[in-house]
Amino acid sequence: MVKAPYKRIHKHGKGRGNEPMVVCSFCGKKVPKYKTFEKKGKFSLSDPSMKKELSKNKVMLPSKRLYVCLSCARHRKISQPGKSRKSKRD
């Protein structure tokens, strides 16, 4: 059996008695919050006239918080296995 090039390690700050469940923003799967990756999404407007008005007034658009499950993060290359670890020898 081939060993995976990464380890599925979840570093918890507290006990997992009652973990809050969140919904993955891409696939809709319910996942415990500690197993998700947070990604900041941009707030977009579809109306071009509103974009022009906001750019003139220099209004800051809010960003939304996206929760991504492990499989979606790996598929969309949000988390890349082995990139966080430093190599032992150069």
C-alpha atoms as a PDB file:
ATOM      1  CA  MET A   1       0.000   0.000   0.000  1.00  0.00           C
ATOM      2  CA  VAL A   2       1.352   3.413  -0.976  1.00  0.00           C
ATOM      3  CA  LYS A   3       1.792   5.933   1.795  1.00  0.00           C
ATOM      4  CA  ALA A   4       0.195   9.346   1.262  1.00  0.00           C
ATOM      5  CA  PRO A   5       2.604  12.318   0.869  1.00  0.00           C
ATOM      6  CA  TYR A   6       0.722  14.229   3.559  1.00  0.00           C
ATOM      7  CA  LYS A   7      -0.761  13.630   6.978  1.00  0.00           C
ATOM      8  CA  ARG A   8      -4.330  14.428   7.927  1.00  0.00           C
ATOM      9  CA  ILE A   9      -3.588  16.215  11.183  1.00  0.00           C
ATOM     10  CA  HIS A  10      -6.180  18.409  12.833  1.00  0.00           C
ATOM     11  CA  LYS A  11      -4.768  20.546  15.614  1.00  0.00           C
ATOM     12  CA  HIS A  12      -7.567  21.181  18.065  1.00  0.00           C
ATOM     13  CA  GLY A  13      -7.633  23.962  20.578  1.00  0.00           C
ATOM     14  CA  LYS A  14     -10.264  22.345  22.766  1.00  0.00           C
ATOM     15  CA  GLY A  15     -12.111  19.086  23.239  1.00  0.00           C
ATOM     16  CA  ARG A  16     -14.505  17.938  20.558  1.00  0.00           C
ATOM     17  CA  GLY A  17     -17.560  17.485  22.741  1.00  0.00           C
ATOM     18  CA  ASN A  18     -19.995  19.460  20.600  1.00  0.00           C
ATOM     19  CA  GLU A  19     -18.350  20.775  17.453  1.00  0.00           C
ATOM     20  CA  PRO A  20     -20.284  23.357  15.430  1.00  0.00           C
ATOM     21  CA  MET A  21     -21.180  22.036  11.988  1.00  0.00           C
ATOM     22  CA  VAL A  22     -20.709  24.323   8.977  1.00  0.00           C
ATOM     23  CA  VAL A  23     -21.758  23.898   5.365  1.00  0.00           C
ATOM     24  CA  CYS A  24     -19.093  23.732   2.663  1.00  0.00           C
ATOM     25  CA  SER A  25     -19.461  26.697   0.315  1.00  0.00           C
ATOM     26  CA  PHE A  26     -18.729  24.643  -2.809  1.00  0.00           C
ATOM     27  CA  CYS A  27     -20.306  21.203  -2.375  1.00  0.00           C
ATOM     28  CA  GLY A  28     -22.840  21.856   0.420  1.00  0.00           C
ATOM     29  CA  LYS A  29     -21.549  19.038   2.650  1.00  0.00           C
ATOM     30  CA  LYS A  30     -22.006  19.436   6.428  1.00  0.00           C
ATOM     31  CA  VAL A  31     -18.563  19.263   8.043  1.00  0.00           C
ATOM     32  CA  PRO A  32     -17.283  19.950  11.585  1.00  0.00           C
ATOM     33  CA  LYS A  33     -15.742  23.415  11.727  1.00  0.00           C
ATOM     34  CA  TYR A  34     -12.287  22.179  12.739  1.00  0.00           C
ATOM     35  CA  LYS A  35     -12.001  20.169   9.497  1.00  0.00           C
ATOM     36  CA  THR A  36     -12.634  23.157   7.229  1.00  0.00           C
ATOM     37  CA  PHE A  37     -10.429  25.765   5.630  1.00  0.00           C
ATOM     38  CA  GLU A  38     -11.499  29.406   5.752  1.00  0.00           C
ATOM     39  CA  LYS A  39     -11.257  31.431   2.589  1.00  0.00           C
ATOM     40  CA  LYS A  40     -12.251  35.045   2.133  1.00  0.00           C
ATOM     41  CA  GLY A  41     -14.584  35.551  -0.789  1.00  0.00           C
ATOM     42  CA  LYS A  42     -15.185  38.785  -2.607  1.00  0.00           C
ATOM     43  CA  PHE A  43     -18.531  40.515  -2.664  1.00  0.00           C
ATOM     44  CA  SER A  44     -19.595  41.057  -6.268  1.00  0.00           C
ATOM     45  CA  LEU A  45     -22.189  43.257  -7.915  1.00  0.00           C
ATOM     46  CA  SER A  46     -23.858  42.311 -11.170  1.00  0.00           C
ATOM     47  CA  ASP A  47     -25.219  45.773 -12.039  1.00  0.00           C
ATOM     48  CA  PRO A  48     -22.590  47.846 -13.938  1.00  0.00           C
ATOM     49  CA  SER A  49     -24.182  51.181 -12.988  1.00  0.00           C
ATOM     50  CA  MET A  50     -23.838  50.326  -9.279  1.00  0.00           C
ATOM     51  CA  LYS A  51     -20.157  49.488  -9.806  1.00  0.00           C
ATOM     52  CA  LYS A  52     -19.516  52.912 -11.336  1.00  0.00           C
ATOM     53  CA  GLU A  53     -21.283  54.706  -8.476  1.00  0.00           C
ATOM     54  CA  LEU A  54     -19.379  52.754  -5.842  1.00  0.00           C
ATOM     55  CA  SER A  55     -16.024  53.344  -7.536  1.00  0.00           C
ATOM     56  CA  LYS A  56     -16.663  57.106  -7.583  1.00  0.00           C
ATOM     57  CA  ASN A  57     -17.513  57.182  -3.885  1.00  0.00           C
ATOM     58  CA  LYS A  58     -14.637  54.798  -2.986  1.00  0.00           C
ATOM     59  CA  VAL A  59     -16.870  52.566  -0.876  1.00  0.00           C
ATOM     60  CA  MET A  60     -15.265  49.463   0.628  1.00  0.00           C
ATOM     61  CA  LEU A  61     -17.154  46.299  -0.279  1.00  0.00           C
ATOM     62  CA  PRO A  62     -17.393  43.664   2.457  1.00  0.00           C
ATOM     63  CA  SER A  63     -15.779  40.265   2.032  1.00  0.00           C
ATOM     64  CA  LYS A  64     -17.616  37.108   2.963  1.00  0.00           C
ATOM     65  CA  ARG A  65     -16.136  34.133   4.788  1.00  0.00           C
ATOM     66  CA  LEU A  66     -16.242  30.832   2.932  1.00  0.00           C
ATOM     67  CA  TYR A  67     -15.833  27.472   4.649  1.00  0.00           C
ATOM     68  CA  VAL A  68     -14.296  24.775   2.443  1.00  0.00           C
ATOM     69  CA  CYS A  69     -14.251  21.049   3.273  1.00  0.00           C
ATOM     70  CA  LEU A  70     -11.097  18.940   2.898  1.00  0.00           C
ATOM     71  CA  SER A  71     -12.008  17.347  -0.418  1.00  0.00           C
ATOM     72  CA  CYS A  72     -13.019  20.657  -2.059  1.00  0.00           C
ATOM     73  CA  ALA A  73      -9.888  22.377  -0.714  1.00  0.00           C
ATOM     74  CA  ARG A  74      -7.714  19.668  -2.220  1.00  0.00           C
ATOM     75  CA  HIS A  75      -9.625  19.722  -5.518  1.00  0.00           C
ATOM     76  CA  ARG A  76      -9.509  23.519  -5.869  1.00  0.00           C
ATOM     77  CA  LYS A  77      -5.867  23.663  -4.690  1.00  0.00           C
ATOM     78  CA  ILE A  78      -6.616  25.795  -1.629  1.00  0.00           C
ATOM     79  CA  SER A  79      -4.529  23.402   0.455  1.00  0.00           C
ATOM     80  CA  GLN A  80      -1.673  21.648  -1.268  1.00  0.00           C
ATOM     81  CA  PRO A  81      -0.266  18.573   0.464  1.00  0.00           C
ATOM     82  CA  GLY A  82       3.413  18.841   1.359  1.00  0.00           C
ATOM     83  CA  LYS A  83       3.741  22.585   0.688  1.00  0.00           C
ATOM     84  CA  SER A  84       3.579  23.588   4.363  1.00  0.00           C
ATOM     85  CA  ARG A  85       6.336  21.206   5.456  1.00  0.00           C
ATOM     86  CA  LYS A  86       9.933  22.268   5.016  1.00  0.00           C
ATOM     87  CA  SER A  87      12.182  19.793   3.308  1.00  0.00           C
ATOM     88  CA  LYS A  88      14.642  18.003   5.562  1.00  0.00           C
ATOM     89  CA  ARG A  89      17.602  18.531   3.248  1.00  0.00           C
ATOM     90  CA  ASP A  90      18.130  21.062   0.496  1.00  0.00           C
END
